[in-house]
C-alpha atoms as a PDB file:
ATOM      1  CA  MET A   1      -8.238  -3.851  50.262  1.00  0.00           C
ATOM      2  CA  LYS A   2      -8.059  -6.506  47.801  1.00  0.00           C
ATOM      3  CA  CYS A   3      -5.718  -4.851  44.370  1.00  0.00           C
ATOM      4  CA  PRO A   4      -9.818  -4.035  41.996  1.00  0.00           C
ATOM      5  CA  GLY A   5      -7.679  -5.934  38.923  1.00  0.00           C
ATOM      6  CA  GLN A   6      -7.620  -9.459  40.891  1.00  0.00           C
ATOM      7  CA  ASP A   7     -11.363  -9.010  42.231  1.00  0.00           C
ATOM      8  CA  ILE A   8     -13.944 -10.294  40.693  1.00  0.00           C
ATOM      9  CA  ARG A   9     -16.599  -8.071  41.540  1.00  0.00           C
ATOM     10  CA  TYR A  10     -15.092  -5.724  38.652  1.00  0.00           C
ATOM     11  CA  TRP A  11     -14.703  -8.105  36.023  1.00  0.00           C
ATOM     12  CA  SER A  12     -16.306  -7.423  32.582  1.00  0.00           C
ATOM     13  CA  GLY A  13     -17.889 -10.094  30.626  1.00  0.00           C
ATOM     14  CA  LYS A  14     -14.990 -11.108  28.832  1.00  0.00           C
ATOM     15  CA  ASP A  15     -12.579 -11.113  31.629  1.00  0.00           C
ATOM     16  CA  ILE A  16     -13.573 -15.119  31.550  1.00  0.00           C
ATOM     17  CA  PHE A  17     -13.111 -16.854  28.034  1.00  0.00           C
ATOM     18  CA  GLU A  18     -12.122 -19.857  26.751  1.00  0.00           C
ATOM     19  CA  ILE A  19      -9.614 -21.040  23.762  1.00  0.00           C
ATOM     20  CA  LYS A  20      -9.383 -24.134  22.397  1.00  0.00           C
ATOM     21  CA  CYS A  21      -6.476 -26.432  23.047  1.00  0.00           C
ATOM     22  CA  PRO A  22      -4.241 -25.837  20.305  1.00  0.00           C
ATOM     23  CA  LYS A  23      -2.990 -29.306  20.509  1.00  0.00           C
ATOM     24  CA  CYS A  24      -5.859 -31.584  20.858  1.00  0.00           C
ATOM     25  CA  GLY A  25      -8.911 -28.686  20.817  1.00  0.00           C
ATOM     26  CA  THR A  26     -10.331 -29.320  24.295  1.00  0.00           C
ATOM     27  CA  PRO A  27     -11.854 -25.748  25.722  1.00  0.00           C
ATOM     28  CA  LEU A  28     -10.064 -24.461  27.921  1.00  0.00           C
ATOM     29  CA  GLU A  29     -11.427 -22.017  30.648  1.00  0.00           C
ATOM     30  CA  PHE A  30      -9.254 -18.893  31.569  1.00  0.00           C
ATOM     31  CA  PHE A  31      -9.667 -15.799  33.869  1.00  0.00           C
ATOM     32  CA  LYS A  32      -7.854 -13.353  32.725  1.00  0.00           C
ATOM     33  CA  ASP A  33      -5.082 -13.480  35.457  1.00  0.00           C
ATOM     34  CA  ASP A  34      -4.584 -16.937  34.948  1.00  0.00           C
ATOM     35  CA  SER A  35      -1.115 -17.341  33.187  1.00  0.00           C
ATOM     36  CA  SER A  36      -2.061 -20.875  32.098  1.00  0.00           C
ATOM     37  CA  ARG A  37      -4.003 -23.969  32.338  1.00  0.00           C
ATOM     38  CA  LEU A  38      -3.223 -27.541  31.864  1.00  0.00           C
ATOM     39  CA  CYS A  39      -5.626 -28.957  29.131  1.00  0.00           C
ATOM     40  CA  PRO A  40      -7.264 -32.200  30.768  1.00  0.00           C
ATOM     41  CA  GLN A  41      -8.294 -34.117  28.027  1.00  0.00           C
ATOM     42  CA  CYS A  42      -4.420 -34.167  26.459  1.00  0.00           C
ATOM     43  CA  SER A  43      -2.205 -32.982  29.479  1.00  0.00           C
ATOM     44  CA  TYR A  44      -0.343 -29.879  27.093  1.00  0.00           C
ATOM     45  CA  ARG A  45      -0.085 -26.446  29.247  1.00  0.00           C
ATOM     46  CA  MET A  46      -1.252 -23.594  27.309  1.00  0.00           C
ATOM     47  CA  LEU A  47      -0.312 -19.981  27.530  1.00  0.00           C
ATOM     48  CA  ASN A  48      -3.000 -17.519  28.132  1.00  0.00           C
ATOM     49  CA  PRO A  49      -3.232 -15.557  25.114  1.00  0.00           C
ATOM     50  CA  HIS A  50      -4.948 -12.654  26.673  1.00  0.00           C
ATOM     51  CA  ILE A  51      -3.045 -12.104  29.701  1.00  0.00           C
ATOM     52  CA  ASN A  52      -2.418  -8.222  30.493  1.00  0.00           C
ATOM     53  CA  PHE A  53       0.688  -6.934  32.750  1.00  0.00           C
ATOM     54  CA  GLY A  54      -0.565  -3.379  32.308  1.00  0.00           C
ATOM     55  CA  CYS A  55      -0.519  -2.939  35.855  1.00  0.00           C
ATOM     56  CA  ALA A  56       3.008  -3.804  36.856  1.00  0.00           C
ATOM     57  CA  GLU A  57       4.109  -0.563  34.808  1.00  0.00           C
ATOM     58  CA  TYR A  58       2.842   1.121  38.013  1.00  0.00           C
ATOM     59  CA  CYS A  59       1.468  -1.193  40.931  1.00  0.00           C
ATOM     60  CA  PRO A  60       4.162  -1.327  43.610  1.00  0.00           C
ATOM     61  CA  HIS A  61       2.526  -4.975  44.395  1.00  0.00           C
ATOM     62  CA  ALA A  62       3.230  -7.067  41.095  1.00  0.00           C
ATOM     63  CA  GLU A  63       6.216  -8.879  41.901  1.00  0.00           C
ATOM     64  CA  GLN A  64       3.249 -10.270  44.824  1.00  0.00           C
ATOM     65  CA  CYS A  65       1.730 -10.950  41.862  1.00  0.00           C
ATOM     66  CA  LEU A  66       3.788 -11.701  39.024  1.00  0.00           C
ATOM     67  CA  GLY A  67       6.530 -13.928  41.085  1.00  0.00           C
ATOM     68  CA  SER A  68       5.572 -16.995  40.343  1.00  0.00           C
ATOM     69  CA  LEU A  69       5.469 -16.499  36.331  1.00  0.00           C
ATOM     70  CA  PRO A  70       7.430 -18.268  33.949  1.00  0.00           C
ATOM     71  CA  GLU A  71      10.819 -16.131  33.293  1.00  0.00           C
ATOM     72  CA  GLY A  72      10.047 -15.233  30.099  1.00  0.00           C
ATOM     73  CA  LEU A  73       6.506 -13.983  30.958  1.00  0.00           C
ATOM     74  CA  LYS A  74       7.412 -11.782  33.436  1.00  0.00           C
ATOM     75  CA  PRO A  75       6.933  -8.133  32.511  1.00  0.00           C
ATOM     76  CA  GLN A  76       8.736  -5.852  30.949  1.00  0.00           C
ATOM     77  CA  LYS A  77       9.759  -2.050  30.895  1.00  0.00           C
ATOM     78  CA  GLY A  78       8.192   0.909  28.798  1.00  0.00           C
ATOM     79  CA  PRO A  79       5.383   2.054  26.499  1.00  0.00           C
ATOM     80  CA  GLN A  80       4.658  -1.407  24.533  1.00  0.00           C
ATOM     81  CA  ALA A  81       5.975  -3.818  27.434  1.00  0.00           C
ATOM     82  CA  SER A  82       2.141  -5.214  27.273  1.00  0.00           C
ATOM     83  CA  LEU A  83       1.444  -5.802  24.299  1.00  0.00           C
ATOM     84  CA  LYS A  84       5.031  -7.312  23.882  1.00  0.00           C
ATOM     85  CA  GLU A  85       4.121  -9.383  26.480  1.00  0.00           C
ATOM     86  CA  ARG A  86       0.506 -10.893  24.887  1.00  0.00           C
ATOM     87  CA  VAL A  87       2.239 -10.859  21.835  1.00  0.00           C
ATOM     88  CA  MET A  88       4.565 -12.915  22.818  1.00  0.00           C
ATOM     89  CA  ALA A  89       2.569 -15.758  24.827  1.00  0.00           C
ATOM     90  CA  ALA A  90      -0.574 -15.689  21.871  1.00  0.00           C
ATOM     91  CA  MET A  91       2.213 -16.388  19.540  1.00  0.00           C
ATOM     92  CA  ALA A  92       3.794 -19.467  22.344  1.00  0.00           C
ATOM     93  CA  ALA A  93      -0.009 -20.210  22.475  1.00  0.00           C
ATOM     94  CA  TYR A  94      -0.801 -21.177  19.062  1.00  0.00           C
ATOM     95  CA  PHE A  95       2.450 -22.818  18.271  1.00  0.00           C
ATOM     96  CA  GLY A  96       1.827 -25.250  21.014  1.00  0.00           C
ATOM     97  CA  ASP A  97       4.576 -27.529  22.032  1.00  0.00           C
ATOM     98  CA  ASP A  98       6.400 -26.686  18.291  1.00  0.00           C
ATOM     99  CA  GLN A  99       9.544 -24.929  20.553  1.00  0.00           C
ATOM    100  CA  ARG A 100      11.650 -24.517  17.629  1.00  0.00           C
ATOM    101  CA  ARG A 101       8.993 -22.285  15.525  1.00  0.00           C
ATOM    102  CA  ILE A 102       8.590 -20.451  18.819  1.00  0.00           C
ATOM    103  CA  ASN A 103      12.636 -20.060  20.176  1.00  0.00           C
ATOM    104  CA  HIS A 104      13.226 -18.912  16.497  1.00  0.00           C
ATOM    105  CA  ALA A 105      10.273 -15.765  16.085  1.00  0.00           C
ATOM    106  CA  LYS A 106      11.426 -14.835  20.030  1.00  0.00           C
ATOM    107  CA  LYS A 107      14.684 -14.801  18.175  1.00  0.00           C
ATOM    108  CA  VAL A 108      13.905 -12.646  15.532  1.00  0.00           C
ATOM    109  CA  ALA A 109      11.736 -10.402  17.814  1.00  0.00           C
ATOM    110  CA  ASP A 110      15.410 -10.301  19.711  1.00  0.00           C
ATOM    111  CA  TYR A 111      16.826  -8.889  16.435  1.00  0.00           C
ATOM    112  CA  ALA A 112      14.411  -6.633  15.168  1.00  0.00           C
ATOM    113  CA  GLU A 113      14.527  -4.781  18.996  1.00  0.00           C
ATOM    114  CA  GLN A 114      18.344  -4.415  17.948  1.00  0.00           C
ATOM    115  CA  ILE A 115      18.280  -3.380  14.410  1.00  0.00           C
ATOM    116  CA  ASN A 116      15.867  -0.825  15.314  1.00  0.00           C
ATOM    117  CA  LYS A 117      17.498   0.889  18.186  1.00  0.00           C
ATOM    118  CA  TYR A 118      19.069   2.795  14.867  1.00  0.00           C
ATOM    119  CA  GLU A 119      16.578   2.209  12.191  1.00  0.00           C
ATOM    120  CA  GLN A 120      13.864   4.378  14.322  1.00  0.00           C
ATOM    121  CA  GLY A 121      11.036   2.564  13.203  1.00  0.00           C
ATOM    122  CA  ASP A 122       7.421   1.677  15.041  1.00  0.00           C
ATOM    123  CA  PRO A 123       8.735  -0.440  17.637  1.00  0.00           C
ATOM    124  CA  ALA A 124       5.330  -2.037  17.915  1.00  0.00           C
ATOM    125  CA  VAL A 125       4.482  -2.796  14.138  1.00  0.00           C
ATOM    126  CA  ILE A 126       8.217  -4.393  14.190  1.00  0.00           C
ATOM    127  CA  MET A 127       8.043  -5.980  17.506  1.00  0.00           C
ATOM    128  CA  ALA A 128       4.677  -7.595  16.587  1.00  0.00           C
ATOM    129  CA  CYS A 129       5.729  -8.749  13.505  1.00  0.00           C
ATOM    130  CA  GLY A 130       8.633 -10.393  14.722  1.00  0.00           C
ATOM    131  CA  TYR A 131       6.491 -12.684  17.000  1.00  0.00           C
ATOM    132  CA  LEU A 132       4.428 -13.623  14.410  1.00  0.00           C
ATOM    133  CA  HIS A 133       5.972 -13.800  11.329  1.00  0.00           C
ATOM    134  CA  ASP A 134       5.814 -17.247  10.591  1.00  0.00           C
ATOM    135  CA  ILE A 135       2.580 -18.044  11.897  1.00  0.00           C
ATOM    136  CA  GLY A 136       0.817 -18.758   8.346  1.00  0.00           C
ATOM    137  CA  ILE A 137       3.074 -22.165   9.115  1.00  0.00           C
ATOM    138  CA  PRO A 138       0.426 -24.229  10.534  1.00  0.00           C
ATOM    139  CA  GLU A 139      -2.210 -23.437   8.440  1.00  0.00           C
ATOM    140  CA  ALA A 140      -0.082 -23.480   5.386  1.00  0.00           C
ATOM    141  CA  GLU A 141       1.106 -27.299   6.016  1.00  0.00           C
ATOM    142  CA  ARG A 142      -2.295 -28.565   7.158  1.00  0.00           C
ATOM    143  CA  LYS A 143      -4.043 -26.934   3.967  1.00  0.00           C
ATOM    144  CA  HIS A 144      -1.113 -26.700   1.431  1.00  0.00           C
ATOM    145  CA  HIS A 145       1.295 -29.515   2.941  1.00  0.00           C
ATOM    146  CA  SER A 146       3.990 -27.136   3.030  1.00  0.00           C
ATOM    147  CA  SER A 147       6.087 -24.272   4.037  1.00  0.00           C
ATOM    148  CA  ALA A 148       6.787 -22.973   1.225  1.00  0.00           C
ATOM    149  CA  PRO A 149       6.659 -18.478   1.322  1.00  0.00           C
ATOM    150  CA  ARG A 150       3.664 -18.614  -1.342  1.00  0.00           C
ATOM    151  CA  TYR A 151       1.678 -20.305   1.611  1.00  0.00           C
ATOM    152  CA  GLN A 152       3.127 -18.290   4.232  1.00  0.00           C
ATOM    153  CA  HIS A 153       1.816 -15.766   2.802  1.00  0.00           C
ATOM    154  CA  GLN A 154      -1.968 -16.576   2.206  1.00  0.00           C
ATOM    155  CA  GLU A 155      -2.189 -18.111   5.628  1.00  0.00           C
ATOM    156  CA  GLY A 156      -0.412 -15.715   7.889  1.00  0.00           C
ATOM    157  CA  PRO A 157      -2.152 -12.447   7.819  1.00  0.00           C
ATOM    158  CA  PRO A 158      -5.326 -14.226   8.728  1.00  0.00           C
ATOM    159  CA  VAL A 159      -4.061 -15.937  11.998  1.00  0.00           C
ATOM    160  CA  ALA A 160      -1.877 -12.488  13.065  1.00  0.00           C
ATOM    161  CA  ARG A 161      -5.389 -10.618  12.170  1.00  0.00           C
ATOM    162  CA  LYS A 162      -7.457 -12.886  14.352  1.00  0.00           C
ATOM    163  CA  ILE A 163      -4.412 -12.464  17.054  1.00  0.00           C
ATOM    164  CA  LEU A 164      -3.977  -9.154  17.031  1.00  0.00           C
ATOM    165  CA  THR A 165      -8.158  -8.288  17.426  1.00  0.00           C
ATOM    166  CA  GLU A 166      -8.808 -10.299  20.011  1.00  0.00           C
ATOM    167  CA  LEU A 167      -5.749  -8.020  21.924  1.00  0.00           C
ATOM    168  CA  GLY A 168      -7.463  -4.853  21.194  1.00  0.00           C
ATOM    169  CA  VAL A 169      -4.814  -3.682  18.181  1.00  0.00           C
ATOM    170  CA  GLU A 170      -5.615  -0.972  16.333  1.00  0.00           C
ATOM    171  CA  GLU A 171      -6.855  -1.516  12.692  1.00  0.00           C
ATOM    172  CA  GLU A 172      -4.649   0.752  10.893  1.00  0.00           C
ATOM    173  CA  MET A 173      -1.505  -1.394  12.936  1.00  0.00           C
ATOM    174  CA  ILE A 174      -3.180  -4.968  12.344  1.00  0.00           C
ATOM    175  CA  ALA A 175      -3.347  -3.755   8.148  1.00  0.00           C
ATOM    176  CA  GLU A 176       0.063  -2.868   8.650  1.00  0.00           C
ATOM    177  CA  ILE A 177       1.406  -5.546  10.195  1.00  0.00           C
ATOM    178  CA  CYS A 178      -0.745  -8.439   8.095  1.00  0.00           C
ATOM    179  CA  ALA A 179       0.693  -6.643   5.355  1.00  0.00           C
ATOM    180  CA  ILE A 180       4.665  -7.193   6.290  1.00  0.00           C
ATOM    181  CA  ILE A 181       3.729 -10.848   7.381  1.00  0.00           C
ATOM    182  CA  GLY A 182       1.769 -11.422   4.454  1.00  0.00           C
ATOM    183  CA  HIS A 183       5.290 -10.652   1.673  1.00  0.00           C
ATOM    184  CA  HIS A 184       7.610 -10.689   4.284  1.00  0.00           C
ATOM    185  CA  HIS A 185      10.187 -13.464   2.793  1.00  0.00           C
ATOM    186  CA  HIS A 186       9.780 -11.942  -0.627  1.00  0.00           C
ATOM    187  CA  PRO A 187      10.882  -7.159  -0.538  1.00  0.00           C
ATOM    188  CA  GLY A 188       9.292  -5.282  -3.184  1.00  0.00           C
ATOM    189  CA  LYS A 189      11.802  -2.212  -5.043  1.00  0.00           C
ATOM    190  CA  GLU A 190      10.034   0.262  -1.983  1.00  0.00           C
ATOM    191  CA  GLU A 191       9.430  -1.213   1.335  1.00  0.00           C
ATOM    192  CA  THR A 192       9.259   0.296   4.686  1.00  0.00           C
ATOM    193  CA  THR A 193      10.904   0.787   7.393  1.00  0.00           C
ATOM    194  CA  ASN A 194       9.137  -1.201   9.209  1.00  0.00           C
ATOM    195  CA  PHE A 195       9.944  -4.301   6.924  1.00  0.00           C
ATOM    196  CA  LYS A 196      13.329  -4.029   6.147  1.00  0.00           C
ATOM    197  CA  VAL A 197      14.306  -3.947  10.014  1.00  0.00           C
ATOM    198  CA  LEU A 198      12.020  -7.238   9.957  1.00  0.00           C
ATOM    199  CA  TYR A 199      13.340  -9.001   7.107  1.00  0.00           C
ATOM    200  CA  ASP A 200      17.493  -8.718   8.290  1.00  0.00           C
ATOM    201  CA  ALA A 201      16.064 -10.012  11.327  1.00  0.00           C
ATOM    202  CA  ASP A 202      14.670 -13.485  10.182  1.00  0.00           C
ATOM    203  CA  LEU A 203      17.137 -13.369   7.461  1.00  0.00           C
ATOM    204  CA  LEU A 204      19.682 -13.254  10.105  1.00  0.00           C
ATOM    205  CA  VAL A 205      18.281 -15.640  12.302  1.00  0.00           C
ATOM    206  CA  ASN A 206      17.820 -17.964   8.900  1.00  0.00           C
ATOM    207  CA  LEU A 207      21.380 -17.332   8.499  1.00  0.00           C
ATOM    208  CA  GLN A 208      22.373 -17.815  11.835  1.00  0.00           C
ATOM    209  CA  GLU A 209      19.911 -21.463  12.016  1.00  0.00           C
ATOM    210  CA  GLN A 210      21.562 -23.253   8.872  1.00  0.00           C
ATOM    211  CA  GLN A 211      24.882 -21.896   9.155  1.00  0.00           C
ATOM    212  CA  PRO A 212      26.143 -24.988  11.269  1.00  0.00           C
ATOM    213  CA  ALA A 213      24.514 -27.511   8.272  1.00  0.00           C
ATOM    214  CA  GLY A 214      25.286 -25.462   5.731  1.00  0.00           C
ATOM    215  CA  GLY A 215      28.845 -24.479   6.535  1.00  0.00           C
ATOM    216  CA  ARG A 216      29.370 -21.211   4.089  1.00  0.00           C
ATOM    217  CA  SER A 217      32.341 -19.388   3.533  1.00  0.00           C
ATOM    218  CA  VAL A 218      32.902 -16.301   4.922  1.00  0.00           C
ATOM    219  CA  GLU A 219      32.815 -15.597   1.133  1.00  0.00           C
ATOM    220  CA  LYS A 220      29.372 -16.069   0.809  1.00  0.00           C
ATOM    221  CA  LEU A 221      28.217 -14.818   3.657  1.00  0.00           C
ATOM    222  CA  THR A 222      29.817 -11.506   3.012  1.00  0.00           C
ATOM    223  CA  THR A 223      27.660 -11.947  -0.282  1.00  0.00           C
ATOM    224  CA  ILE A 224      24.764 -12.362   1.382  1.00  0.00           C
ATOM    225  CA  ILE A 225      25.043  -9.813   3.572  1.00  0.00           C
ATOM    226  CA  ASN A 226      26.166  -7.028   1.096  1.00  0.00           C
ATOM    227  CA  SER A 227      23.330  -7.426  -1.094  1.00  0.00           C
ATOM    228  CA  SER A 228      21.071  -8.718   0.605  1.00  0.00           C
ATOM    229  CA  PHE A 229      20.455  -7.413   3.813  1.00  0.00           C
ATOM    230  CA  LEU A 230      18.355  -4.049   3.465  1.00  0.00           C
ATOM    231  CA  THR A 231      19.494  -2.249   6.540  1.00  0.00           C
ATOM    232  CA  GLU A 232      23.148  -0.350   7.371  1.00  0.00           C
ATOM    233  CA  ALA A 233      22.071  -1.562  11.072  1.00  0.00           C
ATOM    234  CA  GLY A 234      21.261  -5.128  10.151  1.00  0.00           C
ATOM    235  CA  GLN A 235      24.161  -5.568   8.471  1.00  0.00           C
ATOM    236  CA  ARG A 236      26.462  -5.171  10.426  1.00  0.00           C
ATOM    237  CA  LEU A 237      24.883  -6.981  13.808  1.00  0.00           C
ATOM    238  CA  ALA A 238      24.797 -10.074  10.815  1.00  0.00           C
ATOM    239  CA  ARG A 239      28.965  -9.067  10.886  1.00  0.00           C
ATOM    240  CA  GLU A 240      28.787  -9.111  14.446  1.00  0.00           C
ATOM    241  CA  ILE A 241      26.796 -12.239  15.112  1.00  0.00           C
ATOM    242  CA  LEU A 242      28.352 -14.156  12.421  1.00  0.00           C
ATOM    243  CA  GLN A 243      31.759 -13.277  13.051  1.00  0.00           C
ATOM    244  CA  ILE A 244      31.941 -11.960  10.212  1.00  0.00           C
ATOM    245  CA  ASP A 245      35.624  -9.134   9.866  1.00  0.00           C
END
């Protein structure tokens, strides 16, 4: 018997859809189970931002279906695995061939996950913020010719909202994610654990990326860690990653 999820007879109208190529704007037709499509106009390979790996949580034949996927897109186990993979794929599709920003987002999401093991925020909100916190940069650069934080904060939430709505995320979660993205560089006097975890993860990645060129001294890094990080777990991870005793 053919898997119902793969049998087109069981599909709805939403299971075949078009997405514009992020590089040239050409409409690309996706089936829901396509991992990617090659743009016939510019040859850019676009990941499917709507792909759903939920069946891999329980299906004994999942490896046969998913074995050909890129390693970074294979599903992980856990209650948030499907959402995590789809948000990551949507982020990567949106940034297109900007591998630097894709890698930055993945690293922030990874550090946020590590920090949250101790801080106990909402893992789904934190994961989505990690992948999407800089999603406003392309629009900021297009509209304002700048990626300054204020423009990221202005342009990021509408893009994040569109992505998350298309992925079927509930409105309450979308609202919180967009609120965090909308000021993720500038913490207020009172912030949620979710914001603090994302802020510390992003700050750590920025410090790590800037360190080879900036050459900050141990004293300067220690001061930043002690004064700027918002969580104890973030401080501990920063000392470990930046090799501060």
